[in-house]
Amino acid sequence: MPRFAFVIAAIAFGISLAAADDAWACRCPASVSPATAYKRAHVVVTGKVASVQPLPQQQGTNAIVTVSTNWKKKVASEISVSTETTCAYNFEAGSEYLLYLFETKDGNYYTSLCAGNQPLAAAAKSMTWLRKSGKPSL
């Protein structure tokens, strides 16, 4: 009888794991240092989100960002940034951010929750590092 109970418990556990979509949520390192985030990114910007639109047929959004400052590479004054999957970064229209971006082959930008992005108001440590060690684009 105990063996039967164990088998039933194991099956129930397996079913609960298979049914739990949230169990596969994005997992980022505890924190990404400004130096590491900068090194990984193709371009770093500060900017204000003008609008946010859901991506059709995908989990994620596309944000139009008005760029204030950029490092590593010059970018347009307004760029489109996509973010998708369970690691999508949650943009809010009207908010300002420090963004670590990656460029696609066709010149678009994307980011993720794990890239080191922050609301600008909470990015003092990263901004200090960028001013001291980053390469601004003129």
C-alpha atoms as a PDB file:
ATOM      1  CA  MET A   1       0.000   0.000   0.000  1.00  0.00           C
ATOM      2  CA  PRO A   2       2.742   2.599   0.797  1.00  0.00           C
ATOM      3  CA  ARG A   3       4.286   2.007  -2.640  1.00  0.00           C
ATOM      4  CA  PHE A   4       0.928   2.710  -4.312  1.00  0.00           C
ATOM      5  CA  ALA A   5       0.592   5.991  -2.364  1.00  0.00           C
ATOM      6  CA  PHE A   6       4.109   7.002  -3.452  1.00  0.00           C
ATOM      7  CA  VAL A   7       3.305   6.346  -7.121  1.00  0.00           C
ATOM      8  CA  ILE A   8       0.082   8.374  -6.885  1.00  0.00           C
ATOM      9  CA  ALA A   9       1.941  11.230  -5.157  1.00  0.00           C
ATOM     10  CA  ALA A  10       4.686  11.183  -7.811  1.00  0.00           C
ATOM     11  CA  ILE A  11       2.125  11.310 -10.635  1.00  0.00           C
ATOM     12  CA  ALA A  12       0.247  14.172  -8.961  1.00  0.00           C
ATOM     13  CA  PHE A  13       3.499  16.092  -8.510  1.00  0.00           C
ATOM     14  CA  GLY A  14       4.417  15.602 -12.169  1.00  0.00           C
ATOM     15  CA  ILE A  15       1.010  16.804 -13.319  1.00  0.00           C
ATOM     16  CA  SER A  16       1.244  19.898 -11.110  1.00  0.00           C
ATOM     17  CA  LEU A  17       4.632  20.779 -12.627  1.00  0.00           C
ATOM     18  CA  ALA A  18       3.350  20.331 -16.161  1.00  0.00           C
ATOM     19  CA  ALA A  19       0.332  22.541 -15.478  1.00  0.00           C
ATOM     20  CA  ALA A  20       2.279  25.353 -13.794  1.00  0.00           C
ATOM     21  CA  ASP A  21       3.144  27.830 -16.542  1.00  0.00           C
ATOM     22  CA  ASP A  22       4.559  30.283 -14.009  1.00  0.00           C
ATOM     23  CA  ALA A  23       7.147  27.715 -12.972  1.00  0.00           C
ATOM     24  CA  TRP A  24       8.967  28.518 -16.215  1.00  0.00           C
ATOM     25  CA  ALA A  25       9.106  32.281 -15.590  1.00  0.00           C
ATOM     26  CA  CYS A  26      12.214  34.288 -16.409  1.00  0.00           C
ATOM     27  CA  ARG A  27      15.108  33.798 -14.022  1.00  0.00           C
ATOM     28  CA  CYS A  28      17.732  36.534 -13.888  1.00  0.00           C
ATOM     29  CA  PRO A  29      20.910  36.721 -11.817  1.00  0.00           C
ATOM     30  CA  ALA A  30      20.346  38.453  -8.476  1.00  0.00           C
ATOM     31  CA  SER A  31      21.738  41.685  -9.903  1.00  0.00           C
ATOM     32  CA  VAL A  32      23.780  42.790 -12.875  1.00  0.00           C
ATOM     33  CA  SER A  33      26.580  45.265 -12.212  1.00  0.00           C
ATOM     34  CA  PRO A  34      26.628  48.436 -14.327  1.00  0.00           C
ATOM     35  CA  ALA A  35      29.967  47.319 -15.825  1.00  0.00           C
ATOM     36  CA  THR A  36      28.602  43.906 -16.838  1.00  0.00           C
ATOM     37  CA  ALA A  37      25.370  45.330 -18.264  1.00  0.00           C
ATOM     38  CA  TYR A  38      27.363  47.930 -20.224  1.00  0.00           C
ATOM     39  CA  LYS A  39      29.798  45.355 -21.579  1.00  0.00           C
ATOM     40  CA  ARG A  40      27.018  43.037 -22.795  1.00  0.00           C
ATOM     41  CA  ALA A  41      24.849  45.715 -24.441  1.00  0.00           C
ATOM     42  CA  HIS A  42      25.363  47.028 -27.976  1.00  0.00           C
ATOM     43  CA  VAL A  43      24.096  50.462 -26.950  1.00  0.00           C
ATOM     44  CA  VAL A  44      23.011  52.093 -23.678  1.00  0.00           C
ATOM     45  CA  VAL A  45      20.470  54.917 -23.536  1.00  0.00           C
ATOM     46  CA  THR A  46      18.430  57.012 -21.173  1.00  0.00           C
ATOM     47  CA  GLY A  47      15.064  58.040 -22.468  1.00  0.00           C
ATOM     48  CA  LYS A  48      11.368  58.560 -21.957  1.00  0.00           C
ATOM     49  CA  VAL A  49       8.830  56.045 -23.227  1.00  0.00           C
ATOM     50  CA  ALA A  50       6.407  57.838 -25.557  1.00  0.00           C
ATOM     51  CA  SER A  51       4.148  54.828 -26.177  1.00  0.00           C
ATOM     52  CA  VAL A  52       3.846  51.093 -25.555  1.00  0.00           C
ATOM     53  CA  GLN A  53       2.066  48.635 -27.851  1.00  0.00           C
ATOM     54  CA  PRO A  54       1.558  44.883 -27.383  1.00  0.00           C
ATOM     55  CA  LEU A  55       3.339  42.705 -29.923  1.00  0.00           C
ATOM     56  CA  PRO A  56       0.809  40.847 -32.073  1.00  0.00           C
ATOM     57  CA  GLN A  57       0.766  37.073 -31.538  1.00  0.00           C
ATOM     58  CA  GLN A  58       3.566  37.275 -28.939  1.00  0.00           C
ATOM     59  CA  GLN A  59       4.089  37.782 -25.234  1.00  0.00           C
ATOM     60  CA  GLY A  60       5.738  41.204 -25.037  1.00  0.00           C
ATOM     61  CA  THR A  61       5.610  44.830 -26.103  1.00  0.00           C
ATOM     62  CA  ASN A  62       7.151  47.399 -28.378  1.00  0.00           C
ATOM     63  CA  ALA A  63       8.044  50.768 -26.855  1.00  0.00           C
ATOM     64  CA  ILE A  64       8.820  54.017 -28.663  1.00  0.00           C
ATOM     65  CA  VAL A  65      11.584  55.717 -26.665  1.00  0.00           C
ATOM     66  CA  THR A  66      12.654  59.353 -26.977  1.00  0.00           C
ATOM     67  CA  VAL A  67      16.405  59.163 -26.324  1.00  0.00           C
ATOM     68  CA  SER A  68      18.063  61.702 -24.009  1.00  0.00           C
ATOM     69  CA  THR A  69      21.593  60.289 -23.764  1.00  0.00           C
ATOM     70  CA  ASN A  70      23.385  57.376 -25.399  1.00  0.00           C
ATOM     71  CA  TRP A  71      26.610  55.472 -24.841  1.00  0.00           C
ATOM     72  CA  LYS A  72      28.684  53.159 -27.035  1.00  0.00           C
ATOM     73  CA  LYS A  73      26.885  54.038 -30.281  1.00  0.00           C
ATOM     74  CA  LYS A  74      24.914  56.954 -31.665  1.00  0.00           C
ATOM     75  CA  VAL A  75      21.216  56.260 -32.132  1.00  0.00           C
ATOM     76  CA  ALA A  76      18.272  58.222 -33.504  1.00  0.00           C
ATOM     77  CA  SER A  77      16.470  60.646 -31.209  1.00  0.00           C
ATOM     78  CA  GLU A  78      13.494  58.265 -31.214  1.00  0.00           C
ATOM     79  CA  ILE A  79      13.894  54.493 -31.318  1.00  0.00           C
ATOM     80  CA  SER A  80      11.678  51.424 -31.199  1.00  0.00           C
ATOM     81  CA  VAL A  81      12.547  48.853 -28.527  1.00  0.00           C
ATOM     82  CA  SER A  82      10.935  45.415 -28.407  1.00  0.00           C
ATOM     83  CA  THR A  83      10.865  43.084 -25.441  1.00  0.00           C
ATOM     84  CA  GLU A  84       9.210  39.670 -25.414  1.00  0.00           C
ATOM     85  CA  THR A  85       8.827  36.239 -23.811  1.00  0.00           C
ATOM     86  CA  THR A  86       8.657  35.652 -20.073  1.00  0.00           C
ATOM     87  CA  CYS A  87      11.720  37.912 -19.760  1.00  0.00           C
ATOM     88  CA  ALA A  88       9.964  40.954 -21.233  1.00  0.00           C
ATOM     89  CA  TYR A  89      10.787  44.275 -19.578  1.00  0.00           C
ATOM     90  CA  ASN A  90       7.692  46.098 -18.369  1.00  0.00           C
ATOM     91  CA  PHE A  91       7.657  49.574 -19.955  1.00  0.00           C
ATOM     92  CA  GLU A  92       5.214  52.294 -18.875  1.00  0.00           C
ATOM     93  CA  ALA A  93       4.399  55.187 -21.207  1.00  0.00           C
ATOM     94  CA  GLY A  94       5.614  58.497 -19.785  1.00  0.00           C
ATOM     95  CA  SER A  95       8.310  56.895 -17.623  1.00  0.00           C
ATOM     96  CA  GLU A  96      12.066  57.462 -17.996  1.00  0.00           C
ATOM     97  CA  TYR A  97      14.528  54.579 -18.062  1.00  0.00           C
ATOM     98  CA  LEU A  98      18.154  53.593 -18.298  1.00  0.00           C
ATOM     99  CA  LEU A  99      18.131  50.890 -20.994  1.00  0.00           C
ATOM    100  CA  TYR A 100      20.729  48.362 -22.066  1.00  0.00           C
ATOM    101  CA  LEU A 101      19.882  47.465 -25.657  1.00  0.00           C
ATOM    102  CA  PHE A 102      20.844  44.896 -28.243  1.00  0.00           C
ATOM    103  CA  GLU A 103      20.693  45.568 -31.975  1.00  0.00           C
ATOM    104  CA  THR A 104      19.205  43.156 -34.484  1.00  0.00           C
ATOM    105  CA  LYS A 105      20.658  42.573 -37.964  1.00  0.00           C
ATOM    106  CA  ASP A 106      18.004  44.870 -39.435  1.00  0.00           C
ATOM    107  CA  GLY A 107      18.881  47.756 -37.087  1.00  0.00           C
ATOM    108  CA  ASN A 108      16.069  47.402 -34.552  1.00  0.00           C
ATOM    109  CA  TYR A 109      16.604  47.233 -30.794  1.00  0.00           C
ATOM    110  CA  TYR A 110      15.456  44.790 -28.131  1.00  0.00           C
ATOM    111  CA  THR A 111      16.018  44.295 -24.416  1.00  0.00           C
ATOM    112  CA  SER A 112      14.966  41.992 -21.607  1.00  0.00           C
ATOM    113  CA  LEU A 113      14.253  41.912 -17.921  1.00  0.00           C
ATOM    114  CA  CYS A 114      17.744  40.526 -17.231  1.00  0.00           C
ATOM    115  CA  ALA A 115      19.699  43.173 -19.199  1.00  0.00           C
ATOM    116  CA  GLY A 116      20.092  45.567 -16.248  1.00  0.00           C
ATOM    117  CA  ASN A 117      17.407  48.105 -17.278  1.00  0.00           C
ATOM    118  CA  GLN A 118      16.123  50.410 -14.556  1.00  0.00           C
ATOM    119  CA  PRO A 119      13.715  53.279 -14.062  1.00  0.00           C
ATOM    120  CA  LEU A 120      15.928  56.361 -14.305  1.00  0.00           C
ATOM    121  CA  ALA A 121      14.906  57.518 -10.819  1.00  0.00           C
ATOM    122  CA  ALA A 122      16.397  54.294  -9.369  1.00  0.00           C
ATOM    123  CA  ALA A 123      19.559  54.236 -11.510  1.00  0.00           C
ATOM    124  CA  ALA A 124      21.902  56.516  -9.535  1.00  0.00           C
ATOM    125  CA  LYS A 125      24.628  53.874  -9.098  1.00  0.00           C
ATOM    126  CA  SER A 126      24.547  52.906 -12.782  1.00  0.00           C
ATOM    127  CA  MET A 127      24.475  56.530 -13.942  1.00  0.00           C
ATOM    128  CA  THR A 128      27.517  57.320 -11.774  1.00  0.00           C
ATOM    129  CA  TRP A 129      29.362  54.370 -13.337  1.00  0.00           C
ATOM    130  CA  LEU A 130      28.340  55.433 -16.872  1.00  0.00           C
ATOM    131  CA  ARG A 131      29.472  59.035 -16.362  1.00  0.00           C
ATOM    132  CA  LYS A 132      32.823  57.813 -15.024  1.00  0.00           C
ATOM    133  CA  SER A 133      33.541  54.776 -17.223  1.00  0.00           C
ATOM    134  CA  GLY A 134      31.114  54.710 -20.160  1.00  0.00           C
ATOM    135  CA  LYS A 135      31.910  55.971 -23.659  1.00  0.00           C
ATOM    136  CA  PRO A 136      29.317  58.618 -24.559  1.00  0.00           C
ATOM    137  CA  SER A 137      28.217  58.870 -28.175  1.00  0.00           C
ATOM    138  CA  LEU A 138      28.235  62.386 -29.543  1.00  0.00           C
END
